[in-house]
Amino acid sequence: MGGVLDEYLVVDHLSIKNIISEIKQNITTARKALKEGIELKSISISNITGIDETSIEIIKKKYC
């Protein structure tokens, strides 16, 4: 039982790590797009990154 549980935890840890990595990449992409002047309505950063527009507004206020 312990080996199966250990394997599950390793797989689960890798899944979480991949999810966090994807979120960080999306935030970086949104920040770069905002810095380059891409507006929310023109290309829709939220469609590209999957980040909701409210969160993009927060990123815009904080980093731009």
PDB file of N, CA and C in Angstrom:
ATOM      1  N   MET A   1       0.822  -1.198   0.000  1.00  0.00           N
ATOM      2  CA  MET A   1       0.000   0.000   0.000  1.00  0.00           C
ATOM      3  C   MET A   1       0.862   1.257   0.000  1.00  0.00           C
ATOM      4  N   GLY A   2       1.960   1.251   0.717  1.00  0.00           N
ATOM      5  CA  GLY A   2       2.804   2.438   0.812  1.00  0.00           C
ATOM      6  C   GLY A   2       3.400   2.841  -0.514  1.00  0.00           C
ATOM      7  N   GLY A   3       3.808   1.851  -1.341  1.00  0.00           N
ATOM      8  CA  GLY A   3       4.384   2.148  -2.652  1.00  0.00           C
ATOM      9  C   GLY A   3       3.386   2.798  -3.583  1.00  0.00           C
ATOM     10  N   VAL A   4       2.155   2.313  -3.554  1.00  0.00           N
ATOM     11  CA  VAL A   4       1.106   2.887  -4.396  1.00  0.00           C
ATOM     12  C   VAL A   4       0.825   4.314  -3.969  1.00  0.00           C
ATOM     13  N   LEU A   5       0.749   4.540  -2.663  1.00  0.00           N
ATOM     14  CA  LEU A   5       0.488   5.881  -2.149  1.00  0.00           C
ATOM     15  C   LEU A   5       1.623   6.832  -2.501  1.00  0.00           C
ATOM     16  N   ASP A   6       2.865   6.352  -2.368  1.00  0.00           N
ATOM     17  CA  ASP A   6       4.015   7.186  -2.732  1.00  0.00           C
ATOM     18  C   ASP A   6       3.971   7.569  -4.207  1.00  0.00           C
ATOM     19  N   GLU A   7       3.644   6.601  -5.064  1.00  0.00           N
ATOM     20  CA  GLU A   7       3.559   6.877  -6.491  1.00  0.00           C
ATOM     21  C   GLU A   7       2.452   7.886  -6.787  1.00  0.00           C
ATOM     22  N   TYR A   8       1.319   7.751  -6.117  1.00  0.00           N
ATOM     23  CA  TYR A   8       0.204   8.684  -6.303  1.00  0.00           C
ATOM     24  C   TYR A   8       0.612  10.090  -5.898  1.00  0.00           C
ATOM     25  N   LEU A   9       1.293  10.205  -4.774  1.00  0.00           N
ATOM     26  CA  LEU A   9       1.701  11.526  -4.297  1.00  0.00           C
ATOM     27  C   LEU A   9       2.710  12.169  -5.249  1.00  0.00           C
ATOM     28  N   VAL A  10       3.614  11.389  -5.817  1.00  0.00           N
ATOM     29  CA  VAL A  10       4.589  11.923  -6.765  1.00  0.00           C
ATOM     30  C   VAL A  10       3.870  12.420  -8.017  1.00  0.00           C
ATOM     31  N   VAL A  11       2.945  11.622  -8.534  1.00  0.00           N
ATOM     32  CA  VAL A  11       2.190  12.022  -9.716  1.00  0.00           C
ATOM     33  C   VAL A  11       1.362  13.258  -9.417  1.00  0.00           C
ATOM     34  N   ASP A  12       0.692  13.276  -8.259  1.00  0.00           N
ATOM     35  CA  ASP A  12      -0.117  14.424  -7.874  1.00  0.00           C
ATOM     36  C   ASP A  12       0.760  15.667  -7.721  1.00  0.00           C
ATOM     37  N   HIS A  13       1.934  15.524  -7.137  1.00  0.00           N
ATOM     38  CA  HIS A  13       2.862  16.645  -6.967  1.00  0.00           C
ATOM     39  C   HIS A  13       3.283  17.190  -8.331  1.00  0.00           C
ATOM     40  N   LEU A  14       3.574  16.291  -9.279  1.00  0.00           N
ATOM     41  CA  LEU A  14       3.961  16.738 -10.618  1.00  0.00           C
ATOM     42  C   LEU A  14       2.817  17.450 -11.314  1.00  0.00           C
ATOM     43  N   SER A  15       1.586  16.979 -11.122  1.00  0.00           N
ATOM     44  CA  SER A  15       0.426  17.642 -11.719  1.00  0.00           C
ATOM     45  C   SER A  15       0.274  19.050 -11.173  1.00  0.00           C
ATOM     46  N   ILE A  16       0.402  19.193  -9.873  1.00  0.00           N
ATOM     47  CA  ILE A  16       0.290  20.510  -9.243  1.00  0.00           C
ATOM     48  C   ILE A  16       1.412  21.422  -9.735  1.00  0.00           C
ATOM     49  N   LYS A  17       2.607  20.874  -9.830  1.00  0.00           N
ATOM     50  CA  LYS A  17       3.743  21.660 -10.304  1.00  0.00           C
ATOM     51  C   LYS A  17       3.505  22.135 -11.736  1.00  0.00           C
ATOM     52  N   ASN A  18       2.955  21.278 -12.599  1.00  0.00           N
ATOM     53  CA  ASN A  18       2.658  21.668 -13.981  1.00  0.00           C
ATOM     54  C   ASN A  18       1.577  22.737 -14.037  1.00  0.00           C
ATOM     55  N   ILE A  19       0.565  22.619 -13.201  1.00  0.00           N
ATOM     56  CA  ILE A  19      -0.514  23.616 -13.162  1.00  0.00           C
ATOM     57  C   ILE A  19       0.031  24.974 -12.735  1.00  0.00           C
ATOM     58  N   ILE A  20       0.863  24.976 -11.700  1.00  0.00           N
ATOM     59  CA  ILE A  20       1.453  26.229 -11.210  1.00  0.00           C
ATOM     60  C   ILE A  20       2.354  26.840 -12.277  1.00  0.00           C
ATOM     61  N   SER A  21       3.126  25.999 -12.962  1.00  0.00           N
ATOM     62  CA  SER A  21       4.000  26.486 -14.027  1.00  0.00           C
ATOM     63  C   SER A  21       3.193  27.120 -15.151  1.00  0.00           C
ATOM     64  N   GLU A  22       2.077  26.513 -15.518  1.00  0.00           N
ATOM     65  CA  GLU A  22       1.224  27.056 -16.574  1.00  0.00           C
ATOM     66  C   GLU A  22       0.609  28.391 -16.154  1.00  0.00           C
ATOM     67  N   ILE A  23       0.185  28.491 -14.902  1.00  0.00           N
ATOM     68  CA  ILE A  23      -0.388  29.744 -14.403  1.00  0.00           C
ATOM     69  C   ILE A  23       0.667  30.853 -14.429  1.00  0.00           C
ATOM     70  N   LYS A  24       1.882  30.540 -13.979  1.00  0.00           N
ATOM     71  CA  LYS A  24       2.949  31.533 -13.989  1.00  0.00           C
ATOM     72  C   LYS A  24       3.255  31.999 -15.406  1.00  0.00           C
ATOM     73  N   GLN A  25       3.263  31.080 -16.363  1.00  0.00           N
ATOM     74  CA  GLN A  25       3.516  31.439 -17.754  1.00  0.00           C
ATOM     75  C   GLN A  25       2.412  32.338 -18.293  1.00  0.00           C
ATOM     76  N   ASN A  26       1.162  32.029 -17.941  1.00  0.00           N
ATOM     77  CA  ASN A  26       0.038  32.848 -18.397  1.00  0.00           C
ATOM     78  C   ASN A  26       0.113  34.259 -17.825  1.00  0.00           C
ATOM     79  N   ILE A  27       0.493  34.377 -16.563  1.00  0.00           N
ATOM     80  CA  ILE A  27       0.636  35.700 -15.942  1.00  0.00           C
ATOM     81  C   ILE A  27       1.757  36.482 -16.622  1.00  0.00           C
ATOM     82  N   THR A  28       2.869  35.811 -16.902  1.00  0.00           N
ATOM     83  CA  THR A  28       3.980  36.464 -17.593  1.00  0.00           C
ATOM     84  C   THR A  28       3.553  36.948 -18.971  1.00  0.00           C
ATOM     85  N   THR A  29       2.814  36.115 -19.693  1.00  0.00           N
ATOM     86  CA  THR A  29       2.320  36.489 -21.012  1.00  0.00           C
ATOM     87  C   THR A  29       1.397  37.696 -20.926  1.00  0.00           C
ATOM     88  N   ALA A  30       0.509  37.690 -19.940  1.00  0.00           N
ATOM     89  CA  ALA A  30      -0.416  38.817 -19.767  1.00  0.00           C
ATOM     90  C   ALA A  30       0.344  40.096 -19.449  1.00  0.00           C
ATOM     91  N   ARG A  31       1.337  40.018 -18.570  1.00  0.00           N
ATOM     92  CA  ARG A  31       2.137  41.201 -18.230  1.00  0.00           C
ATOM     93  C   ARG A  31       2.864  41.759 -19.450  1.00  0.00           C
ATOM     94  N   LYS A  32       3.467  40.867 -20.245  1.00  0.00           N
ATOM     95  CA  LYS A  32       4.187  41.328 -21.439  1.00  0.00           C
ATOM     96  C   LYS A  32       3.228  41.984 -22.430  1.00  0.00           C
ATOM     97  N   ALA A  33       2.072  41.382 -22.615  1.00  0.00           N
ATOM     98  CA  ALA A  33       1.085  41.948 -23.547  1.00  0.00           C
ATOM     99  C   ALA A  33       0.622  43.322 -23.076  1.00  0.00           C
ATOM    100  N   LEU A  34       0.389  43.453 -21.781  1.00  0.00           N
ATOM    101  CA  LEU A  34      -0.045  44.743 -21.242  1.00  0.00           C
ATOM    102  C   LEU A  34       1.048  45.786 -21.385  1.00  0.00           C
ATOM    103  N   LYS A  35       2.309  45.403 -21.136  1.00  0.00           N
ATOM    104  CA  LYS A  35       3.415  46.344 -21.265  1.00  0.00           C
ATOM    105  C   LYS A  35       3.605  46.800 -22.703  1.00  0.00           C
ATOM    106  N   GLU A  36       3.290  45.930 -23.655  1.00  0.00           N
ATOM    107  CA  GLU A  36       3.431  46.298 -25.058  1.00  0.00           C
ATOM    108  C   GLU A  36       2.229  47.075 -25.567  1.00  0.00           C
ATOM    109  N   GLY A  37       1.263  47.299 -24.707  1.00  0.00           N
ATOM    110  CA  GLY A  37       0.138  48.140 -25.065  1.00  0.00           C
ATOM    111  C   GLY A  37      -1.032  47.415 -25.681  1.00  0.00           C
ATOM    112  N   ILE A  38      -1.051  46.116 -25.600  1.00  0.00           N
ATOM    113  CA  ILE A  38      -2.188  45.374 -26.132  1.00  0.00           C
ATOM    114  C   ILE A  38      -3.354  45.571 -25.186  1.00  0.00           C
ATOM    115  N   GLU A  39      -4.431  46.077 -25.694  1.00  0.00           N
ATOM    116  CA  GLU A  39      -5.602  46.352 -24.871  1.00  0.00           C
ATOM    117  C   GLU A  39      -6.435  45.093 -24.686  1.00  0.00           C
ATOM    118  N   LEU A  40      -7.211  45.083 -23.619  1.00  0.00           N
ATOM    119  CA  LEU A  40      -8.046  43.930 -23.301  1.00  0.00           C
ATOM    120  C   LEU A  40      -9.034  43.617 -24.418  1.00  0.00           C
ATOM    121  N   LYS A  41      -9.591  44.624 -25.037  1.00  0.00           N
ATOM    122  CA  LYS A  41     -10.645  44.391 -26.018  1.00  0.00           C
ATOM    123  C   LYS A  41     -10.102  44.024 -27.400  1.00  0.00           C
ATOM    124  N   SER A  42      -8.913  44.503 -27.747  1.00  0.00           N
ATOM    125  CA  SER A  42      -8.427  44.309 -29.111  1.00  0.00           C
ATOM    126  C   SER A  42      -8.064  42.859 -29.416  1.00  0.00           C
ATOM    127  N   ILE A  43      -7.309  42.224 -28.562  1.00  0.00           N
ATOM    128  CA  ILE A  43      -6.892  40.848 -28.808  1.00  0.00           C
ATOM    129  C   ILE A  43      -7.445  39.916 -27.743  1.00  0.00           C
ATOM    130  N   SER A  44      -7.909  40.452 -26.677  1.00  0.00           N
ATOM    131  CA  SER A  44      -8.451  39.694 -25.564  1.00  0.00           C
ATOM    132  C   SER A  44      -7.392  38.799 -24.925  1.00  0.00           C
ATOM    133  N   ILE A  45      -6.603  39.405 -24.080  1.00  0.00           N
ATOM    134  CA  ILE A  45      -5.553  38.707 -23.356  1.00  0.00           C
ATOM    135  C   ILE A  45      -6.144  37.547 -22.559  1.00  0.00           C
ATOM    136  N   SER A  46      -7.349  37.727 -22.050  1.00  0.00           N
ATOM    137  CA  SER A  46      -7.954  36.658 -21.260  1.00  0.00           C
ATOM    138  C   SER A  46      -8.224  35.415 -22.104  1.00  0.00           C
ATOM    139  N   ASN A  47      -8.536  35.589 -23.387  1.00  0.00           N
ATOM    140  CA  ASN A  47      -8.720  34.421 -24.258  1.00  0.00           C
ATOM    141  C   ASN A  47      -7.401  33.710 -24.524  1.00  0.00           C
ATOM    142  N   ILE A  48      -6.339  34.466 -24.642  1.00  0.00           N
ATOM    143  CA  ILE A  48      -5.029  33.880 -24.914  1.00  0.00           C
ATOM    144  C   ILE A  48      -4.497  33.152 -23.686  1.00  0.00           C
ATOM    145  N   THR A  49      -4.624  33.766 -22.520  1.00  0.00           N
ATOM    146  CA  THR A  49      -4.003  33.217 -21.310  1.00  0.00           C
ATOM    147  C   THR A  49      -4.945  32.397 -20.449  1.00  0.00           C
ATOM    148  N   GLY A  50      -6.244  32.614 -20.575  1.00  0.00           N
ATOM    149  CA  GLY A  50      -7.184  31.919 -19.699  1.00  0.00           C
ATOM    150  C   GLY A  50      -7.382  32.619 -18.366  1.00  0.00           C
ATOM    151  N   ILE A  51      -6.796  33.804 -18.223  1.00  0.00           N
ATOM    152  CA  ILE A  51      -6.932  34.583 -16.990  1.00  0.00           C
ATOM    153  C   ILE A  51      -8.143  35.494 -17.156  1.00  0.00           C
ATOM    154  N   ASP A  52      -8.991  35.552 -16.125  1.00  0.00           N
ATOM    155  CA  ASP A  52     -10.190  36.379 -16.226  1.00  0.00           C
ATOM    156  C   ASP A  52      -9.813  37.865 -16.283  1.00  0.00           C
ATOM    157  N   GLU A  53     -10.711  38.667 -16.847  1.00  0.00           N
ATOM    158  CA  GLU A  53     -10.417  40.087 -17.081  1.00  0.00           C
ATOM    159  C   GLU A  53     -10.204  40.875 -15.789  1.00  0.00           C
ATOM    160  N   THR A  54     -10.878  40.479 -14.712  1.00  0.00           N
ATOM    161  CA  THR A  54     -10.683  41.150 -13.423  1.00  0.00           C
ATOM    162  C   THR A  54      -9.239  40.986 -12.966  1.00  0.00           C
ATOM    163  N   SER A  55      -8.710  39.777 -13.076  1.00  0.00           N
ATOM    164  CA  SER A  55      -7.327  39.522 -12.678  1.00  0.00           C
ATOM    165  C   SER A  55      -6.354  40.258 -13.591  1.00  0.00           C
ATOM    166  N   ILE A  56      -6.676  40.346 -14.869  1.00  0.00           N
ATOM    167  CA  ILE A  56      -5.818  41.085 -15.795  1.00  0.00           C
ATOM    168  C   ILE A  56      -5.791  42.565 -15.441  1.00  0.00           C
ATOM    169  N   GLU A  57      -6.915  43.108 -15.025  1.00  0.00           N
ATOM    170  CA  GLU A  57      -6.944  44.511 -14.577  1.00  0.00           C
ATOM    171  C   GLU A  57      -6.036  44.712 -13.359  1.00  0.00           C
ATOM    172  N   ILE A  58      -6.024  43.750 -12.451  1.00  0.00           N
ATOM    173  CA  ILE A  58      -5.148  43.825 -11.264  1.00  0.00           C
ATOM    174  C   ILE A  58      -3.691  43.799 -11.699  1.00  0.00           C
ATOM    175  N   ILE A  59      -3.353  42.878 -12.618  1.00  0.00           N
ATOM    176  CA  ILE A  59      -1.986  42.804 -13.135  1.00  0.00           C
ATOM    177  C   ILE A  59      -1.611  44.119 -13.807  1.00  0.00           C
ATOM    178  N   LYS A  60      -2.541  44.687 -14.578  1.00  0.00           N
ATOM    179  CA  LYS A  60      -2.288  45.942 -15.287  1.00  0.00           C
ATOM    180  C   LYS A  60      -2.004  47.072 -14.307  1.00  0.00           C
ATOM    181  N   LYS A  61      -2.804  47.164 -13.240  1.00  0.00           N
ATOM    182  CA  LYS A  61      -2.600  48.220 -12.238  1.00  0.00           C
ATOM    183  C   LYS A  61      -1.281  48.038 -11.505  1.00  0.00           C
ATOM    184  N   LYS A  62      -0.896  46.797 -11.234  1.00  0.00           N
ATOM    185  CA  LYS A  62       0.288  46.545 -10.433  1.00  0.00           C
ATOM    186  C   LYS A  62       1.589  46.676 -11.235  1.00  0.00           C
ATOM    187  N   TYR A  63       1.601  46.229 -12.480  1.00  0.00           N
ATOM    188  CA  TYR A  63       2.845  46.156 -13.229  1.00  0.00           C
ATOM    189  C   TYR A  63       2.973  47.157 -14.363  1.00  0.00           C
ATOM    190  N   CYS A  64       1.906  47.846 -14.722  1.00  0.00           N
ATOM    191  CA  CYS A  64       2.001  48.745 -15.881  1.00  0.00           C
ATOM    192  C   CYS A  64       1.750  50.189 -15.495  1.00  0.00           C
TER     193      CYS A  64
END
